[in-house]
C-alpha atoms as a PDB file:
ATOM      1  CA  MET A   1     -46.218  23.920  29.809  1.00  0.00           C
ATOM      2  CA  ARG A   2     -46.427  27.604  30.713  1.00  0.00           C
ATOM      3  CA  ASN A   3     -42.687  28.195  30.507  1.00  0.00           C
ATOM      4  CA  LEU A   4     -42.493  26.754  26.996  1.00  0.00           C
ATOM      5  CA  SER A   5     -45.538  28.693  25.749  1.00  0.00           C
ATOM      6  CA  ARG A   6     -44.093  31.948  27.029  1.00  0.00           C
ATOM      7  CA  LEU A   7     -40.649  31.213  25.626  1.00  0.00           C
ATOM      8  CA  LEU A   8     -41.993  30.256  22.191  1.00  0.00           C
ATOM      9  CA  GLN A   9     -44.000  33.469  22.016  1.00  0.00           C
ATOM     10  CA  GLU A  10     -40.899  35.490  22.890  1.00  0.00           C
ATOM     11  CA  ILE A  11     -38.858  33.663  20.256  1.00  0.00           C
ATOM     12  CA  LYS A  12     -41.591  34.208  17.667  1.00  0.00           C
ATOM     13  CA  ASP A  13     -41.747  37.933  18.474  1.00  0.00           C
ATOM     14  CA  ASN A  14     -37.973  38.413  18.756  1.00  0.00           C
ATOM     15  CA  PRO A  15     -36.122  35.571  16.998  1.00  0.00           C
ATOM     16  CA  ILE A  16     -32.941  37.626  16.649  1.00  0.00           C
ATOM     17  CA  ILE A  17     -32.537  37.881  20.424  1.00  0.00           C
ATOM     18  CA  TYR A  18     -32.550  34.121  20.893  1.00  0.00           C
ATOM     19  CA  LEU A  19     -31.437  32.666  17.547  1.00  0.00           C
ATOM     20  CA  ASP A  20     -29.787  35.550  15.642  1.00  0.00           C
ATOM     21  CA  LYS A  21     -32.254  34.944  12.793  1.00  0.00           C
ATOM     22  CA  PRO A  22     -35.608  33.258  12.022  1.00  0.00           C
ATOM     23  CA  SER A  23     -34.477  29.690  11.342  1.00  0.00           C
ATOM     24  CA  ILE A  24     -36.281  26.404  11.931  1.00  0.00           C
ATOM     25  CA  THR A  25     -32.953  24.584  12.332  1.00  0.00           C
ATOM     26  CA  CYS A  26     -31.690  27.053  14.931  1.00  0.00           C
ATOM     27  CA  LEU A  27     -35.013  26.825  16.765  1.00  0.00           C
ATOM     28  CA  ASP A  28     -34.846  23.022  16.777  1.00  0.00           C
ATOM     29  CA  LEU A  29     -31.343  22.898  18.274  1.00  0.00           C
ATOM     30  CA  PHE A  30     -32.142  25.661  20.775  1.00  0.00           C
ATOM     31  CA  LEU A  31     -35.212  23.775  22.017  1.00  0.00           C
ATOM     32  CA  ILE A  32     -33.289  20.505  22.292  1.00  0.00           C
ATOM     33  CA  GLY A  33     -30.713  22.201  24.513  1.00  0.00           C
ATOM     34  CA  TYR A  34     -33.356  24.023  26.538  1.00  0.00           C
ATOM     35  CA  LEU A  35     -35.862  21.211  27.065  1.00  0.00           C
ATOM     36  CA  SER A  36     -33.260  18.475  27.564  1.00  0.00           C
ATOM     37  CA  THR A  37     -31.637  20.536  30.305  1.00  0.00           C
ATOM     38  CA  ARG A  38     -34.967  21.168  32.017  1.00  0.00           C
ATOM     39  CA  THR A  39     -35.663  17.433  31.917  1.00  0.00           C
ATOM     40  CA  GLU A  40     -32.226  16.682  33.357  1.00  0.00           C
ATOM     41  CA  LEU A  41     -32.933  19.120  36.196  1.00  0.00           C
ATOM     42  CA  GLY A  42     -36.296  17.477  36.914  1.00  0.00           C
ATOM     43  CA  LEU A  43     -38.280  20.642  36.151  1.00  0.00           C
ATOM     44  CA  ASP A  44     -40.777  19.111  33.712  1.00  0.00           C
ATOM     45  CA  ARG A  45     -42.152  16.121  35.548  1.00  0.00           C
ATOM     46  CA  GLU A  46     -45.526  16.500  33.812  1.00  0.00           C
ATOM     47  CA  GLY A  47     -43.990  16.751  30.365  1.00  0.00           C
ATOM     48  CA  SER A  48     -42.193  19.426  28.406  1.00  0.00           C
ATOM     49  CA  GLY A  49     -45.185  20.452  26.307  1.00  0.00           C
ATOM     50  CA  ILE A  50     -43.672  19.382  22.982  1.00  0.00           C
ATOM     51  CA  GLU A  51     -43.782  15.616  23.400  1.00  0.00           C
ATOM     52  CA  GLY A  52     -45.934  14.039  20.737  1.00  0.00           C
ATOM     53  CA  PHE A  53     -45.303  16.795  18.202  1.00  0.00           C
ATOM     54  CA  GLN A  54     -42.864  14.608  16.251  1.00  0.00           C
ATOM     55  CA  GLU A  55     -45.428  11.811  15.853  1.00  0.00           C
ATOM     56  CA  TRP A  56     -48.160  14.349  15.111  1.00  0.00           C
ATOM     57  CA  MET A  57     -46.142  15.861  12.259  1.00  0.00           C
ATOM     58  CA  GLN A  58     -45.386  12.432  10.812  1.00  0.00           C
ATOM     59  CA  ASN A  59     -49.066  11.447  10.965  1.00  0.00           C
ATOM     60  CA  ARG A  60     -50.177  14.774   9.520  1.00  0.00           C
ATOM     61  CA  GLU A  61     -47.861  14.420   6.527  1.00  0.00           C
ATOM     62  CA  LYS A  62     -48.374  10.649   6.327  1.00  0.00           C
ATOM     63  CA  THR A  63     -44.682   9.855   6.448  1.00  0.00           C
ATOM     64  CA  ASN A  64     -42.659   7.227   8.277  1.00  0.00           C
ATOM     65  CA  VAL A  65     -39.244   8.614   7.366  1.00  0.00           C
ATOM     66  CA  SER A  66     -36.897   9.090  10.300  1.00  0.00           C
ATOM     67  CA  GLN A  67     -36.644  12.864   9.941  1.00  0.00           C
ATOM     68  CA  SER A  68     -37.180  15.321  12.779  1.00  0.00           C
ATOM     69  CA  TRP A  69     -40.227  17.592  12.844  1.00  0.00           C
ATOM     70  CA  ALA A  70     -37.938  20.493  11.935  1.00  0.00           C
ATOM     71  CA  ARG A  71     -36.674  18.750   8.806  1.00  0.00           C
ATOM     72  CA  ILE A  72     -40.227  17.799   7.800  1.00  0.00           C
ATOM     73  CA  ILE A  73     -41.388  21.414   8.101  1.00  0.00           C
ATOM     74  CA  LEU A  74     -38.296  22.611   6.244  1.00  0.00           C
ATOM     75  CA  PHE A  75     -38.998  20.149   3.434  1.00  0.00           C
ATOM     76  CA  LEU A  76     -42.585  21.410   3.153  1.00  0.00           C
ATOM     77  CA  ASN A  77     -41.673  25.094   3.107  1.00  0.00           C
ATOM     78  CA  GLY A  78     -38.318  25.132   1.372  1.00  0.00           C
ATOM     79  CA  SER A  79     -36.681  27.910   3.388  1.00  0.00           C
ATOM     80  CA  GLU A  80     -35.435  28.319   6.947  1.00  0.00           C
ATOM     81  CA  ARG A  81     -37.360  31.574   7.450  1.00  0.00           C
ATOM     82  CA  SER A  82     -40.783  30.467   6.215  1.00  0.00           C
ATOM     83  CA  SER A  83     -40.381  27.149   8.053  1.00  0.00           C
ATOM     84  CA  PHE A  84     -39.610  29.024  11.272  1.00  0.00           C
ATOM     85  CA  PHE A  85     -42.887  30.916  11.174  1.00  0.00           C
ATOM     86  CA  ASP A  86     -44.860  27.918   9.922  1.00  0.00           C
ATOM     87  CA  PHE A  87     -43.722  25.959  12.987  1.00  0.00           C
ATOM     88  CA  PHE A  88     -45.728  28.250  15.250  1.00  0.00           C
ATOM     89  CA  ARG A  89     -48.851  27.802  13.131  1.00  0.00           C
ATOM     90  CA  LEU A  90     -48.488  24.033  13.176  1.00  0.00           C
ATOM     91  CA  PHE A  91     -47.599  23.883  16.858  1.00  0.00           C
ATOM     92  CA  ASP A  92     -50.705  25.917  17.752  1.00  0.00           C
ATOM     93  CA  ILE A  93     -52.858  23.412  15.845  1.00  0.00           C
ATOM     94  CA  PHE A  94     -51.071  20.546  17.586  1.00  0.00           C
ATOM     95  CA  CYS A  95     -51.658  22.079  21.040  1.00  0.00           C
ATOM     96  CA  GLU A  96     -55.353  22.620  20.326  1.00  0.00           C
ATOM     97  CA  GLN A  97     -55.829  19.041  19.164  1.00  0.00           C
ATOM     98  CA  LYS A  98     -53.747  17.699  22.023  1.00  0.00           C
ATOM     99  CA  SER A  99     -55.838  19.642  24.546  1.00  0.00           C
ATOM    100  CA  LEU A 100     -59.086  18.267  23.116  1.00  0.00           C
ATOM    101  CA  TYR A 101     -57.673  14.749  23.059  1.00  0.00           C
ATOM    102  CA  GLU A 102     -56.531  14.952  26.680  1.00  0.00           C
ATOM    103  CA  GLU A 103     -59.941  16.230  27.770  1.00  0.00           C
ATOM    104  CA  GLU A 104     -61.683  13.373  25.984  1.00  0.00           C
ATOM    105  CA  ASN A 105     -59.324  10.789  27.495  1.00  0.00           C
ATOM    106  CA  GLU A 106     -58.835  12.289  30.929  1.00  0.00           C
ATOM    107  CA  HIS A 107     -59.956   9.083  32.623  1.00  0.00           C
ATOM    108  CA  LYS A 108     -57.164   7.056  30.989  1.00  0.00           C
ATOM    109  CA  ASN A 109     -53.644   6.785  32.334  1.00  0.00           C
ATOM    110  CA  GLN A 110     -51.449   7.608  29.410  1.00  0.00           C
ATOM    111  CA  SER A 111     -47.693   7.534  29.470  1.00  0.00           C
ATOM    112  CA  ILE A 112     -45.872  10.361  27.743  1.00  0.00           C
ATOM    113  CA  LYS A 113     -42.991   9.379  25.528  1.00  0.00           C
ATOM    114  CA  ASN A 114     -39.905  11.476  26.017  1.00  0.00           C
ATOM    115  CA  ASP A 115     -38.331  12.029  22.599  1.00  0.00           C
ATOM    116  CA  PHE A 116     -35.234  14.003  23.607  1.00  0.00           C
ATOM    117  CA  ARG A 117     -32.143  12.833  21.799  1.00  0.00           C
ATOM    118  CA  TYR A 118     -29.635  12.669  24.593  1.00  0.00           C
ATOM    119  CA  TYR A 119     -28.954  13.413  28.215  1.00  0.00           C
ATOM    120  CA  LEU A 120     -26.874  16.490  28.960  1.00  0.00           C
ATOM    121  CA  ARG A 121     -23.810  16.057  31.136  1.00  0.00           C
ATOM    122  CA  GLU A 122     -21.295  18.486  32.592  1.00  0.00           C
ATOM    123  CA  LEU A 123     -20.493  21.179  30.030  1.00  0.00           C
ATOM    124  CA  TYR A 124     -16.952  20.129  29.102  1.00  0.00           C
ATOM    125  CA  GLU A 125     -17.819  16.438  29.106  1.00  0.00           C
ATOM    126  CA  PHE A 126     -20.745  17.255  26.855  1.00  0.00           C
ATOM    127  CA  LEU A 127     -18.544  19.244  24.466  1.00  0.00           C
ATOM    128  CA  GLY A 128     -16.087  16.348  24.407  1.00  0.00           C
ATOM    129  CA  SER A 129     -18.858  13.960  23.389  1.00  0.00           C
ATOM    130  CA  ILE A 130     -19.958  16.297  20.596  1.00  0.00           C
ATOM    131  CA  LYS A 131     -16.379  16.542  19.339  1.00  0.00           C
ATOM    132  CA  LYS A 132     -16.169  12.750  19.066  1.00  0.00           C
ATOM    133  CA  ARG A 133     -19.596  12.267  17.468  1.00  0.00           C
ATOM    134  CA  PRO A 134     -20.901  15.603  16.132  1.00  0.00           C
ATOM    135  CA  ALA A 135     -23.487  14.061  13.808  1.00  0.00           C
ATOM    136  CA  MET A 136     -25.105  12.219  16.713  1.00  0.00           C
ATOM    137  CA  TYR A 137     -25.676  15.385  18.716  1.00  0.00           C
ATOM    138  CA  LEU A 138     -26.064  18.045  16.032  1.00  0.00           C
ATOM    139  CA  GLY A 139     -27.517  16.105  13.121  1.00  0.00           C
ATOM    140  CA  THR A 140     -25.253  17.964  10.706  1.00  0.00           C
ATOM    141  CA  PRO A 141     -21.797  19.006  11.998  1.00  0.00           C
ATOM    142  CA  SER A 142     -22.216  22.759  12.312  1.00  0.00           C
ATOM    143  CA  ILE A 143     -20.881  25.483  14.589  1.00  0.00           C
ATOM    144  CA  THR A 144     -24.213  27.341  14.403  1.00  0.00           C
ATOM    145  CA  ARG A 145     -26.066  24.232  15.568  1.00  0.00           C
ATOM    146  CA  LEU A 146     -23.624  23.870  18.452  1.00  0.00           C
ATOM    147  CA  ASP A 147     -24.148  27.500  19.427  1.00  0.00           C
ATOM    148  CA  MET A 148     -27.955  27.141  19.433  1.00  0.00           C
ATOM    149  CA  LEU A 149     -27.739  23.971  21.507  1.00  0.00           C
ATOM    150  CA  LEU A 150     -25.580  25.685  24.113  1.00  0.00           C
ATOM    151  CA  ARG A 151     -27.849  28.744  24.208  1.00  0.00           C
ATOM    152  CA  GLY A 152     -30.816  26.552  25.096  1.00  0.00           C
ATOM    153  CA  TYR A 153     -28.739  24.753  27.718  1.00  0.00           C
ATOM    154  CA  THR A 154     -27.667  28.058  29.286  1.00  0.00           C
ATOM    155  CA  LEU A 155     -31.167  29.559  29.337  1.00  0.00           C
ATOM    156  CA  ALA A 156     -32.687  26.502  31.012  1.00  0.00           C
ATOM    157  CA  ARG A 157     -30.076  26.490  33.772  1.00  0.00           C
ATOM    158  CA  ARG A 158     -30.454  30.239  34.301  1.00  0.00           C
ATOM    159  CA  GLU A 159     -34.248  29.943  34.565  1.00  0.00           C
ATOM    160  CA  ALA A 160     -33.755  27.190  37.135  1.00  0.00           C
ATOM    161  CA  GLY A 161     -31.792  29.645  39.277  1.00  0.00           C
ATOM    162  CA  LEU A 162     -28.639  27.528  39.206  1.00  0.00           C
ATOM    163  CA  VAL A 163     -25.334  29.139  40.041  1.00  0.00           C
ATOM    164  CA  PRO A 164     -23.000  28.837  37.020  1.00  0.00           C
ATOM    165  CA  THR A 165     -20.407  26.101  37.434  1.00  0.00           C
ATOM    166  CA  GLU A 166     -16.696  26.846  37.176  1.00  0.00           C
ATOM    167  CA  GLU A 167     -16.717  25.356  33.677  1.00  0.00           C
ATOM    168  CA  GLU A 168     -19.607  27.580  32.619  1.00  0.00           C
ATOM    169  CA  LYS A 169     -17.903  30.659  34.033  1.00  0.00           C
ATOM    170  CA  GLU A 170     -14.713  29.785  32.191  1.00  0.00           C
ATOM    171  CA  PHE A 171     -16.631  29.198  28.959  1.00  0.00           C
ATOM    172  CA  GLU A 172     -18.146  32.683  29.197  1.00  0.00           C
ATOM    173  CA  GLY A 173     -14.644  34.094  28.730  1.00  0.00           C
ATOM    174  CA  PHE A 174     -14.260  32.270  25.420  1.00  0.00           C
ATOM    175  CA  GLN A 175     -16.319  34.997  23.707  1.00  0.00           C
ATOM    176  CA  SER A 176     -13.937  37.825  24.601  1.00  0.00           C
ATOM    177  CA  TRP A 177     -10.916  35.595  23.894  1.00  0.00           C
ATOM    178  CA  VAL A 178     -12.144  34.908  20.347  1.00  0.00           C
ATOM    179  CA  GLN A 179     -12.885  38.593  19.777  1.00  0.00           C
ATOM    180  CA  GLU A 180      -9.387  39.517  20.911  1.00  0.00           C
ATOM    181  CA  LYS A 181      -7.765  36.782  18.827  1.00  0.00           C
ATOM    182  CA  TYR A 182      -9.428  37.959  15.611  1.00  0.00           C
ATOM    183  CA  GLY A 183      -9.409  41.655  16.473  1.00  0.00           C
ATOM    184  CA  ILE A 184     -13.197  41.889  16.389  1.00  0.00           C
ATOM    185  CA  LYS A 185     -14.794  44.718  18.359  1.00  0.00           C
ATOM    186  CA  SER A 186     -18.406  44.190  17.247  1.00  0.00           C
ATOM    187  CA  GLY A 187     -20.940  42.220  19.246  1.00  0.00           C
ATOM    188  CA  GLN A 188     -20.842  39.159  16.998  1.00  0.00           C
ATOM    189  CA  SER A 189     -21.022  35.807  18.768  1.00  0.00           C
ATOM    190  CA  TRP A 190     -18.020  33.493  18.935  1.00  0.00           C
ATOM    191  CA  SER A 191     -19.718  31.143  16.481  1.00  0.00           C
ATOM    192  CA  LYS A 192     -20.274  33.862  13.891  1.00  0.00           C
ATOM    193  CA  ILE A 193     -16.718  35.099  14.199  1.00  0.00           C
ATOM    194  CA  ILE A 194     -15.236  31.633  13.753  1.00  0.00           C
ATOM    195  CA  LEU A 195     -17.625  30.895  10.876  1.00  0.00           C
ATOM    196  CA  PHE A 196     -16.628  34.131   9.138  1.00  0.00           C
ATOM    197  CA  TYR A 197     -13.005  32.996   9.118  1.00  0.00           C
ATOM    198  CA  SER A 198     -13.842  29.459   7.967  1.00  0.00           C
ATOM    199  CA  VAL A 199     -14.822  27.912   4.644  1.00  0.00           C
ATOM    200  CA  ASP A 200     -18.084  26.433   5.923  1.00  0.00           C
ATOM    201  CA  GLU A 201     -20.010  25.274   9.005  1.00  0.00           C
ATOM    202  CA  TYR A 202     -18.124  21.984   9.166  1.00  0.00           C
ATOM    203  CA  GLU A 203     -14.693  23.587   9.134  1.00  0.00           C
ATOM    204  CA  ALA A 204     -15.866  26.184  11.637  1.00  0.00           C
ATOM    205  CA  LEU A 205     -16.986  23.463  14.058  1.00  0.00           C
ATOM    206  CA  ASN A 206     -13.593  21.771  13.868  1.00  0.00           C
ATOM    207  CA  LYS A 207     -11.896  25.127  14.288  1.00  0.00           C
ATOM    208  CA  PHE A 208     -14.012  25.808  17.371  1.00  0.00           C
ATOM    209  CA  PHE A 209     -12.671  22.721  19.129  1.00  0.00           C
ATOM    210  CA  GLU A 210      -9.108  23.646  18.178  1.00  0.00           C
ATOM    211  CA  LEU A 211      -9.538  27.185  19.469  1.00  0.00           C
ATOM    212  CA  PHE A 212     -11.340  26.077  22.599  1.00  0.00           C
ATOM    213  CA  GLU A 213      -8.503  23.704  23.456  1.00  0.00           C
ATOM    214  CA  LYS A 214      -6.016  26.566  23.031  1.00  0.00           C
ATOM    215  CA  TYR A 215      -8.199  28.759  25.222  1.00  0.00           C
ATOM    216  CA  LEU A 216      -8.288  26.153  27.999  1.00  0.00           C
ATOM    217  CA  ASN A 217      -4.542  25.568  27.785  1.00  0.00           C
ATOM    218  CA  LYS A 218      -3.941  29.308  27.990  1.00  0.00           C
ATOM    219  CA  ASN A 219      -6.027  29.499  31.149  1.00  0.00           C
ATOM    220  CA  LYS A 220      -4.187  26.549  32.677  1.00  0.00           C
ATOM    221  CA  SER A 221      -0.828  28.185  31.905  1.00  0.00           C
ATOM    222  CA  SER A 222      -2.011  31.406  33.529  1.00  0.00           C
ATOM    223  CA  GLU A 223      -3.014  29.503  36.667  1.00  0.00           C
ATOM    224  CA  VAL A 224       0.398  27.822  36.835  1.00  0.00           C
ATOM    225  CA  ASP A 225       2.172  31.161  36.482  1.00  0.00           C
ATOM    226  CA  GLU A 226       0.039  32.670  39.239  1.00  0.00           C
ATOM    227  CA  ASN A 227       0.697  29.745  41.582  1.00  0.00           C
ATOM    228  CA  SER A 228       4.418  29.883  40.817  1.00  0.00           C
ATOM    229  CA  GLY A 229       4.524  33.557  41.626  1.00  0.00           C
END
């Protein structure tokens, strides 16, 4: 898929712009959000370009364990940074082999297995589902993982030319609200700010939902005051 190839090259060249840092885990969650949203919007009818990579990695390493390709690469390399860059090497090999295989079997009708983990819903409904079952959606409960997932979601919708929903517009204001609450004037993301004032990723994720609920209630109160006036 041309869009995916271009995006991956941009992420490889400038990981900080998309992920804040070179990290295989951040890349994994970002791609889940991005590709799942494109699938939901019906933009990848011929496949996302990454289907089959999970099975390919398992076959390459001769493992049947139920770990994602990102966790397999992380296990092999030992660090988030080296695993991030090794992904691109492995994915290039996968694409080359996949291209040769498809050329050799062009006459066969082959179904493509979609291995996305869930179907994205409306933003607030989606966040509510994550709050109830964070491990199901994020693997490990983590505010950074949530942030990466939402970044992929946002990019895919923007590329599709969709007008932001009212929920998405409201969520954009959460960044400035968090900065104001903690007195932060730097350009750090809401997830980094909350994580800085938390013990760990798990606590930060729980704190996010608490803060986000306060943010929504504050907005509702402001609307009531305006209507009353």
